[in-house]
Amino acid sequence: MATEHNAILENREKLQLSGVTAIDSFDDRAVVLYTNCGQLTILGRNLQMQQINVETGDVTVEGEVQAMRYSDRDRTAPTGLLGRMLR
């Protein structure tokens, strides 16, 4: 899995992430995931997870991105189904 975390936001419509270790939850207004740099919450409208690469930790989110917030909470992912998939 990637050791670096990158976030590339294109026109507030397409967010490409690397270094994702787990996905906690997602719906059309919020995506909460864990990265090598801590927990990341993405807020917006019509958010959709377009690509998830379990092997590399790459994730693409599309929709209207309104905010991205990092938290220094524990960087280890929960052990839910998606968390286990991305470990």
C-alpha atoms as a PDB file:
ATOM      1  CA  MET A   1       0.000   0.000   0.000  1.00  0.00           C
ATOM      2  CA  ALA A   2       1.181   3.543  -0.681  1.00  0.00           C
ATOM      3  CA  THR A   3       3.113   5.277   2.074  1.00  0.00           C
ATOM      4  CA  GLU A   4       2.333   8.817   0.901  1.00  0.00           C
ATOM      5  CA  HIS A   5      -0.988  10.620   0.994  1.00  0.00           C
ATOM      6  CA  ASN A   6      -1.979  12.967  -1.814  1.00  0.00           C
ATOM      7  CA  ALA A   7      -5.223  14.805  -2.505  1.00  0.00           C
ATOM      8  CA  ILE A   8      -5.859  16.351  -5.920  1.00  0.00           C
ATOM      9  CA  LEU A   9      -9.085  18.327  -6.315  1.00  0.00           C
ATOM     10  CA  GLU A  10     -10.095  19.281  -9.845  1.00  0.00           C
ATOM     11  CA  ASN A  11     -12.629  22.124 -10.178  1.00  0.00           C
ATOM     12  CA  ARG A  12     -14.227  21.065  -6.863  1.00  0.00           C
ATOM     13  CA  GLU A  13     -15.828  18.177  -8.801  1.00  0.00           C
ATOM     14  CA  LYS A  14     -13.292  15.345  -8.808  1.00  0.00           C
ATOM     15  CA  LEU A  15     -11.108  14.409  -5.837  1.00  0.00           C
ATOM     16  CA  GLN A  16      -8.315  11.888  -6.338  1.00  0.00           C
ATOM     17  CA  LEU A  17      -6.815  10.485  -3.147  1.00  0.00           C
ATOM     18  CA  SER A  18      -3.867   8.207  -2.464  1.00  0.00           C
ATOM     19  CA  GLY A  19      -2.698   6.749   0.821  1.00  0.00           C
ATOM     20  CA  VAL A  20      -6.223   5.737   1.879  1.00  0.00           C
ATOM     21  CA  THR A  21      -6.137   2.961   4.471  1.00  0.00           C
ATOM     22  CA  ALA A  22      -9.893   2.521   5.094  1.00  0.00           C
ATOM     23  CA  ILE A  23     -13.317   3.934   4.327  1.00  0.00           C
ATOM     24  CA  ASP A  24     -15.438   4.513   7.416  1.00  0.00           C
ATOM     25  CA  SER A  25     -18.690   5.744   5.833  1.00  0.00           C
ATOM     26  CA  PHE A  26     -20.033   7.458   2.771  1.00  0.00           C
ATOM     27  CA  ASP A  27     -23.251   8.853   1.346  1.00  0.00           C
ATOM     28  CA  ASP A  28     -24.132  11.625  -1.098  1.00  0.00           C
ATOM     29  CA  ARG A  29     -23.266  14.395   1.423  1.00  0.00           C
ATOM     30  CA  ALA A  30     -20.240  13.076   3.350  1.00  0.00           C
ATOM     31  CA  VAL A  31     -17.343  10.664   2.946  1.00  0.00           C
ATOM     32  CA  VAL A  32     -15.283   9.720   6.001  1.00  0.00           C
ATOM     33  CA  LEU A  33     -12.077   7.814   5.403  1.00  0.00           C
ATOM     34  CA  TYR A  34      -8.698   7.179   6.954  1.00  0.00           C
ATOM     35  CA  THR A  35      -5.432   8.135   5.312  1.00  0.00           C
ATOM     36  CA  ASN A  36      -1.777   7.884   6.232  1.00  0.00           C
ATOM     37  CA  CYS A  37      -2.153  11.463   7.550  1.00  0.00           C
ATOM     38  CA  GLY A  38      -5.224  10.902   9.729  1.00  0.00           C
ATOM     39  CA  GLN A  39      -8.995  10.853   9.320  1.00  0.00           C
ATOM     40  CA  LEU A  40     -10.358  12.836   6.352  1.00  0.00           C
ATOM     41  CA  THR A  41     -13.963  14.013   6.116  1.00  0.00           C
ATOM     42  CA  ILE A  42     -15.195  15.234   2.733  1.00  0.00           C
ATOM     43  CA  LEU A  43     -18.435  17.233   2.686  1.00  0.00           C
ATOM     44  CA  GLY A  44     -20.466  18.155  -0.367  1.00  0.00           C
ATOM     45  CA  ARG A  45     -23.437  17.364  -2.579  1.00  0.00           C
ATOM     46  CA  ASN A  46     -24.053  14.402  -4.861  1.00  0.00           C
ATOM     47  CA  LEU A  47     -20.811  12.731  -3.734  1.00  0.00           C
ATOM     48  CA  GLN A  48     -20.086   9.382  -5.330  1.00  0.00           C
ATOM     49  CA  MET A  49     -17.177   7.009  -4.884  1.00  0.00           C
ATOM     50  CA  GLN A  50     -16.119   6.296  -8.448  1.00  0.00           C
ATOM     51  CA  GLN A  51     -12.960   4.240  -8.026  1.00  0.00           C
ATOM     52  CA  ILE A  52     -11.530   2.285  -5.121  1.00  0.00           C
ATOM     53  CA  ASN A  53      -8.246   0.445  -5.557  1.00  0.00           C
ATOM     54  CA  VAL A  54      -7.761  -1.791  -2.541  1.00  0.00           C
ATOM     55  CA  GLU A  55      -4.182  -2.708  -3.436  1.00  0.00           C
ATOM     56  CA  THR A  56      -2.814   0.821  -3.847  1.00  0.00           C
ATOM     57  CA  GLY A  57      -5.101   2.822  -1.513  1.00  0.00           C
ATOM     58  CA  ASP A  58      -6.312   5.075  -4.338  1.00  0.00           C
ATOM     59  CA  VAL A  59      -9.848   6.485  -4.177  1.00  0.00           C
ATOM     60  CA  THR A  60     -11.729   8.859  -6.487  1.00  0.00           C
ATOM     61  CA  VAL A  61     -14.718  10.863  -5.251  1.00  0.00           C
ATOM     62  CA  GLU A  62     -16.878  12.854  -7.653  1.00  0.00           C
ATOM     63  CA  GLY A  63     -19.574  15.419  -6.947  1.00  0.00           C
ATOM     64  CA  GLU A  64     -19.649  18.963  -5.556  1.00  0.00           C
ATOM     65  CA  VAL A  65     -16.893  19.091  -2.924  1.00  0.00           C
ATOM     66  CA  GLN A  66     -17.666  21.830  -0.389  1.00  0.00           C
ATOM     67  CA  ALA A  67     -15.140  21.053   2.362  1.00  0.00           C
ATOM     68  CA  MET A  68     -12.301  18.725   3.316  1.00  0.00           C
ATOM     69  CA  ARG A  69     -11.352  18.377   6.980  1.00  0.00           C
ATOM     70  CA  TYR A  70      -8.500  16.394   8.478  1.00  0.00           C
ATOM     71  CA  SER A  71      -8.536  15.135  12.028  1.00  0.00           C
ATOM     72  CA  ASP A  72      -5.521  13.939  13.978  1.00  0.00           C
ATOM     73  CA  ARG A  73      -7.607  11.200  15.531  1.00  0.00           C
ATOM     74  CA  ASP A  74      -6.078   7.746  15.605  1.00  0.00           C
ATOM     75  CA  ARG A  75      -4.682   7.003  12.160  1.00  0.00           C
ATOM     76  CA  THR A  76      -5.635   3.366  12.375  1.00  0.00           C
ATOM     77  CA  ALA A  77      -8.811   2.403  10.622  1.00  0.00           C
ATOM     78  CA  PRO A  78     -11.863   0.815  12.169  1.00  0.00           C
ATOM     79  CA  THR A  79     -12.262  -2.882  11.563  1.00  0.00           C
ATOM     80  CA  GLY A  80     -15.496  -2.681   9.587  1.00  0.00           C
ATOM     81  CA  LEU A  81     -15.969  -4.413   6.248  1.00  0.00           C
ATOM     82  CA  LEU A  82     -14.516  -1.600   4.107  1.00  0.00           C
ATOM     83  CA  GLY A  83     -11.725  -1.086   6.635  1.00  0.00           C
ATOM     84  CA  ARG A  84     -10.735  -4.708   6.262  1.00  0.00           C
ATOM     85  CA  MET A  85     -10.958  -4.453   2.471  1.00  0.00           C
ATOM     86  CA  LEU A  86      -8.442  -1.600   2.297  1.00  0.00           C
ATOM     87  CA  ARG A  87      -5.921  -2.950   4.824  1.00  0.00           C
END
